[in-house]
Protein backbone atom coordinates (compact mmCIF):
# COMPACT_ATOMS: atom_id res chain seq x y z
CA MET A 1 42.27 -99.68 11.42
CA LYS A 2 38.65 -99.60 12.43
CA MET A 3 36.63 -102.48 11.05
CA GLY A 4 32.89 -102.87 10.77
CA ARG A 5 30.31 -105.35 9.66
CA THR A 6 29.24 -105.28 6.06
CA SER A 7 26.28 -103.01 6.00
CA LYS A 8 23.28 -102.33 3.90
CA LEU A 9 25.17 -99.21 2.80
CA PHE A 10 27.85 -101.26 1.03
CA ALA A 11 25.29 -103.62 -0.51
CA SER A 12 23.08 -100.75 -1.70
CA CYS A 13 26.02 -98.85 -3.16
CA SER A 14 27.24 -101.96 -4.98
CA VAL A 15 23.82 -102.43 -6.58
CA LEU A 16 23.68 -98.74 -7.57
CA MET A 17 27.12 -99.01 -9.18
CA ALA A 18 26.02 -102.18 -10.97
CA PHE A 19 23.05 -100.32 -12.49
CA LEU A 20 25.31 -97.45 -13.56
CA PHE A 21 27.76 -99.84 -15.23
CA ALA A 22 24.90 -101.69 -16.96
CA TYR A 23 23.66 -98.40 -18.38
CA SER A 24 27.19 -97.43 -19.39
CA ALA A 25 27.62 -100.72 -21.27
CA SER A 26 24.29 -100.26 -23.04
CA VAL A 27 25.24 -96.88 -24.53
CA GLN A 28 28.56 -98.09 -25.97
CA PHE A 29 27.17 -99.79 -29.05
CA ASN A 30 27.61 -96.71 -31.23
CA ASP A 31 31.17 -96.08 -29.99
CA GLN A 32 34.05 -96.70 -32.38
CA ASP A 33 35.91 -98.87 -29.83
CA TRP A 34 32.90 -100.53 -28.23
CA TYR A 35 34.78 -103.84 -28.03
CA PHE A 36 36.85 -102.38 -25.17
CA TRP A 37 34.13 -100.57 -23.27
CA ILE A 38 31.27 -103.08 -23.31
CA PRO A 39 33.38 -105.82 -21.67
CA LEU A 40 34.78 -103.32 -19.15
CA TYR A 41 31.39 -102.03 -18.05
CA GLY A 42 29.75 -105.45 -18.36
CA CYS A 43 32.31 -107.09 -16.07
CA ALA A 44 32.08 -104.19 -13.61
CA PHE A 45 28.30 -104.70 -13.62
CA VAL A 46 28.65 -108.41 -12.83
CA VAL A 47 31.22 -107.90 -10.05
CA ASN A 48 29.18 -105.18 -8.34
CA LEU A 49 25.90 -107.03 -8.69
CA ILE A 50 27.17 -110.38 -7.45
CA ASN A 51 29.84 -109.22 -5.02
CA TYR A 52 27.50 -107.04 -2.96
CA ASP A 53 26.16 -110.15 -1.24
CA SER A 54 28.73 -112.90 -1.58
CA THR A 55 32.18 -113.34 -2.98
CA SER A 56 34.04 -116.18 -4.59
CA LYS A 57 37.46 -116.68 -6.10
CA LYS A 58 35.93 -116.60 -9.60
CA ILE A 59 34.39 -113.18 -8.97
CA ARG A 60 37.69 -111.95 -7.49
CA LYS A 61 39.47 -113.06 -10.68
CA ILE A 62 36.92 -111.22 -12.81
CA ALA A 63 37.36 -108.15 -10.58
CA LYS A 64 41.15 -108.27 -10.98
CA ILE A 65 40.90 -108.63 -14.76
CA THR A 66 38.37 -105.81 -14.89
CA PHE A 67 40.64 -103.65 -12.73
CA TRP A 68 43.58 -104.13 -15.10
CA LEU A 69 41.41 -103.59 -18.19
CA GLY A 70 40.21 -100.34 -16.59
CA VAL A 71 43.81 -99.26 -15.91
CA PHE A 72 44.75 -100.09 -19.50
CA LEU A 73 41.81 -98.13 -20.93
CA PHE A 74 42.48 -95.18 -18.63
CA CYS A 75 46.09 -95.05 -19.87
CA LYS A 76 44.89 -95.44 -23.47
CA VAL A 77 42.47 -92.54 -23.16
CA VAL A 78 44.96 -90.30 -21.35
CA THR A 79 47.57 -90.98 -24.04
CA GLU A 80 45.02 -90.38 -26.81
CA ASP A 81 43.93 -87.14 -25.18
CA TYR A 82 47.52 -85.97 -24.75
CA TYR A 83 48.34 -86.54 -28.41
CA LEU A 84 45.14 -84.87 -29.60
CA ARG A 85 45.11 -81.81 -27.35
CA GLY A 86 48.34 -81.77 -25.37
CA LEU A 87 48.60 -81.21 -21.64
CA ALA A 88 45.63 -78.83 -21.68
CA GLY A 89 43.41 -81.73 -22.76
CA PHE A 90 44.47 -83.76 -19.75
CA TRP A 91 43.12 -81.12 -17.37
CA SER A 92 39.92 -80.45 -19.33
CA PHE A 93 36.62 -80.74 -17.47
CA ASP A 94 34.39 -80.48 -20.55
CA LEU A 95 31.97 -83.41 -20.18
CA GLY A 96 31.00 -82.93 -23.81
CA GLU A 97 34.35 -84.45 -24.79
CA ARG A 98 34.28 -88.20 -25.32
CA VAL A 99 37.78 -88.71 -23.94
CA LEU A 100 36.92 -87.05 -20.63
CA ARG A 101 33.84 -89.24 -20.22
CA GLU A 102 35.98 -92.29 -21.00
CA LYS A 103 38.61 -91.21 -18.44
CA ILE A 104 35.89 -90.79 -15.83
CA GLY A 105 34.25 -94.10 -16.74
CA SER A 106 37.46 -96.10 -16.58
CA GLY A 107 38.41 -94.33 -13.35
CA LEU A 108 35.07 -95.25 -11.80
CA VAL A 109 35.53 -98.89 -12.81
CA VAL A 110 39.07 -99.01 -11.40
CA THR A 111 37.95 -97.44 -8.11
CA SER A 112 34.94 -99.73 -7.85
CA MET A 113 37.04 -102.83 -8.48
CA LEU A 114 39.59 -101.73 -5.86
CA LEU A 115 36.83 -101.32 -3.30
CA GLN A 116 35.20 -104.63 -4.22
CA LEU A 117 38.54 -106.44 -4.01
CA GLU A 118 39.27 -104.85 -0.65
CA ALA A 119 35.83 -105.82 0.64
CA SER A 120 36.29 -109.42 -0.39
CA SER A 121 39.95 -109.74 0.63
CA ALA A 122 39.02 -111.82 3.69
CA SER A 123 37.75 -114.56 1.40
CA ASP A 124 41.25 -115.59 0.27
CA GLU A 125 41.24 -118.49 2.73
CA ASN A 126 37.79 -119.76 1.75
CA ASP A 127 36.19 -120.64 -1.56
CA ASP A 128 32.83 -119.04 -0.82
CA VAL A 129 32.19 -116.62 2.01
CA ASP A 130 29.11 -114.58 2.69
CA LEU A 131 30.12 -110.92 2.96
CA LYS A 132 27.64 -110.58 5.81
CA GLU A 133 30.04 -112.72 7.87
CA LEU A 134 33.14 -110.68 6.95
CA ASP A 135 34.55 -107.63 8.62
CA VAL A 136 34.86 -104.97 5.95
CA PRO A 137 36.87 -101.83 6.68
CA ILE A 138 34.77 -98.75 7.28
CA TYR A 139 36.74 -96.85 4.62
CA VAL A 140 35.55 -99.38 2.01
CA GLU A 141 31.90 -98.82 2.90
CA TYR A 142 32.24 -95.04 2.92
CA GLY A 143 34.46 -95.17 -0.15
CA MET A 144 31.74 -97.01 -2.04
CA ALA A 145 29.17 -94.46 -0.86
CA ALA A 146 31.41 -91.60 -2.02
CA LEU A 147 31.92 -93.35 -5.36
CA VAL A 148 28.16 -93.60 -5.86
CA GLY A 149 27.76 -89.91 -5.01
CA VAL A 150 30.50 -88.84 -7.43
CA SER A 151 29.40 -91.10 -10.27
CA TYR A 152 25.72 -90.22 -10.08
CA GLY A 153 26.69 -86.58 -9.63
CA PHE A 154 28.57 -86.70 -12.94
CA CYS A 155 25.50 -88.25 -14.56
CA VAL A 156 23.24 -85.48 -13.28
CA VAL A 157 25.64 -82.76 -14.43
CA PHE A 158 26.01 -84.38 -17.84
CA PHE A 159 22.34 -85.04 -18.52
CA VAL A 160 21.04 -81.77 -17.07
CA PHE A 161 23.68 -79.26 -18.12
CA VAL A 162 25.87 -80.70 -20.86
CA LYS A 163 24.09 -83.18 -23.13
CA GLU A 164 21.81 -80.61 -24.76
CA ARG A 165 24.80 -78.62 -26.02
CA TYR A 166 26.48 -81.52 -27.83
CA GLU A 167 25.66 -84.02 -30.50
CA LEU A 168 26.92 -87.30 -29.07
């Protein structure tokens, strides 16, 4: 496995994901189950914002909890979607549907937490380690860049092409 130094790419992508999760948390206040989504996006914001530069065991614990909350919410939304619209709902790509946006959001959080945990996995032996001193796998850096591209791509598609057609 090819390893590389933590780059500005990883740090920049972590900050961009943090901003996206902060925005996502801020628009959840009118949601019927906001008490699930605000903590999910808020914790993802904190992990991405803090973990881009340094990592600690406390942040790793928050990342693990956030990962499992994201998995739980993804399963909740998939189950809800299946019971509402059957198997056809699972494969829907209509961004106007709340459940699809929630599936995407929880999937982005889960993926982000996996990448953050992988990036900080070398810190298991130490309490506090500067990520600039760690070797982070190249696939983590490029995975984070791909995640930023996909997540911001969904935002552009939603706000440019979809939002006008739906009352949210």
